[in-house]
Amino acid sequence: MHEFHKANKERQQEDAACIARLEESILLLTVKQENVKAPTRREEGRIDLQRFRANGPLYTGPPQEVEPFITWIQGVELLFTTSGVVSKPGLGLNS
């Protein structure tokens, strides 16, 4: 019986240590991390995709029709051109 109590006490101590480690892990996960400061200046021709918003033209033309689609894509190109977005060589975005 004495061995049973001793084993039970050891198990309780191990459980308490495990719970303490779990609590510490949870606290580390819930503590707000410091924000990493983003660069204040963007490179030429780059945009901040998290802040970029556009009320661009929506394609409402019939599917499989070429002319309405070309008109729409020209409107999209105009939107990006006036927003200062440029494509980089090698990305397949050049016209």
Protein backbone atom coordinates (compact mmCIF):
# COMPACT_ATOMS: atom_id res chain seq x y z
CA MET A 1 0.00 0.00 0.00
CA HIS A 2 2.88 2.32 0.77
CA GLU A 3 4.28 1.80 -2.75
CA PHE A 4 0.89 2.66 -4.21
CA HIS A 5 0.79 5.99 -2.35
CA LYS A 6 4.37 6.74 -3.37
CA ALA A 7 3.65 5.98 -7.05
CA ASN A 8 0.46 8.02 -6.85
CA LYS A 9 2.32 11.00 -5.36
CA GLU A 10 5.00 10.80 -8.09
CA ARG A 11 2.30 10.66 -10.76
CA GLN A 12 0.60 13.73 -9.25
CA GLN A 13 3.91 15.63 -9.29
CA GLU A 14 4.54 14.66 -12.91
CA ASP A 15 1.00 15.71 -13.82
CA ALA A 16 1.43 19.04 -12.04
CA ALA A 17 4.70 19.68 -13.89
CA CYS A 18 3.04 18.79 -17.21
CA ILE A 19 0.10 21.12 -16.50
CA ALA A 20 2.52 23.92 -15.58
CA ARG A 21 4.33 23.46 -18.92
CA LEU A 22 1.01 23.47 -20.78
CA GLU A 23 -0.11 26.64 -19.01
CA GLU A 24 3.18 28.33 -19.88
CA SER A 25 2.82 27.27 -23.52
CA ILE A 26 -0.73 28.63 -23.66
CA LEU A 27 0.39 31.93 -22.15
CA LEU A 28 3.15 32.24 -24.73
CA LEU A 29 0.64 31.63 -27.51
CA THR A 30 -1.89 34.14 -26.21
CA VAL A 31 0.53 36.96 -25.42
CA LYS A 32 0.45 39.52 -28.21
CA GLN A 33 3.70 39.45 -30.13
CA GLU A 34 5.44 42.70 -30.96
CA ASN A 35 4.59 43.96 -34.39
CA VAL A 36 7.41 43.88 -36.86
CA LYS A 37 7.66 47.30 -38.42
CA ALA A 38 7.15 47.27 -42.15
CA PRO A 39 9.43 49.38 -44.28
CA THR A 40 8.06 52.90 -44.56
CA ARG A 41 9.09 53.29 -48.18
CA ARG A 42 8.13 50.87 -50.89
CA GLU A 43 10.30 50.10 -53.85
CA GLU A 44 9.47 51.84 -57.10
CA GLY A 45 6.51 50.18 -58.80
CA ARG A 46 5.58 48.06 -55.76
CA ILE A 47 2.27 48.22 -53.95
CA ASP A 48 1.20 47.14 -50.49
CA LEU A 49 -1.19 44.30 -51.29
CA GLN A 50 -2.66 44.40 -47.79
CA ARG A 51 -3.74 48.01 -48.27
CA PHE A 52 -4.44 48.12 -52.01
CA ARG A 53 -8.14 48.37 -52.76
CA ALA A 54 -9.73 49.08 -56.08
CA ASN A 55 -13.23 49.57 -57.32
CA GLY A 56 -12.31 48.23 -60.70
CA PRO A 57 -14.65 47.38 -63.51
CA LEU A 58 -16.66 44.18 -63.14
CA TYR A 59 -17.06 41.90 -66.10
CA THR A 60 -20.76 41.67 -66.80
CA GLY A 61 -20.60 40.66 -70.44
CA PRO A 62 -21.81 37.37 -71.79
CA PRO A 63 -19.44 34.42 -71.43
CA GLN A 64 -17.43 33.41 -74.49
CA GLU A 65 -17.80 36.87 -76.08
CA VAL A 66 -14.49 38.42 -77.11
CA GLU A 67 -15.25 42.12 -77.58
CA PRO A 68 -16.89 42.78 -74.18
CA PHE A 69 -14.04 40.89 -72.51
CA ILE A 70 -11.37 42.93 -74.32
CA THR A 71 -13.13 46.15 -73.31
CA TRP A 72 -13.21 44.94 -69.70
CA ILE A 73 -9.54 43.89 -69.63
CA GLN A 74 -8.55 47.29 -71.05
CA GLY A 75 -10.43 48.90 -68.16
CA VAL A 76 -8.53 46.69 -65.71
CA GLU A 77 -5.22 47.64 -67.35
CA LEU A 78 -6.18 51.32 -67.09
CA LEU A 79 -7.00 50.87 -63.40
CA PHE A 80 -3.61 49.33 -62.65
CA THR A 81 -1.75 51.85 -64.80
CA THR A 82 -3.34 54.80 -63.03
CA SER A 83 -2.70 53.13 -59.65
CA GLY A 84 1.03 53.04 -60.38
CA VAL A 85 1.28 49.25 -60.63
CA VAL A 86 3.89 48.04 -63.07
CA SER A 87 4.90 44.54 -64.02
CA LYS A 88 8.38 43.13 -63.74
CA PRO A 89 10.15 41.39 -66.61
CA GLY A 90 10.14 37.62 -66.34
CA LEU A 91 6.84 37.37 -64.49
CA GLY A 92 4.77 36.94 -67.61
CA LEU A 93 2.86 40.15 -66.92
CA ASN A 94 4.31 42.29 -69.69
CA SER A 95 2.13 43.19 -72.64
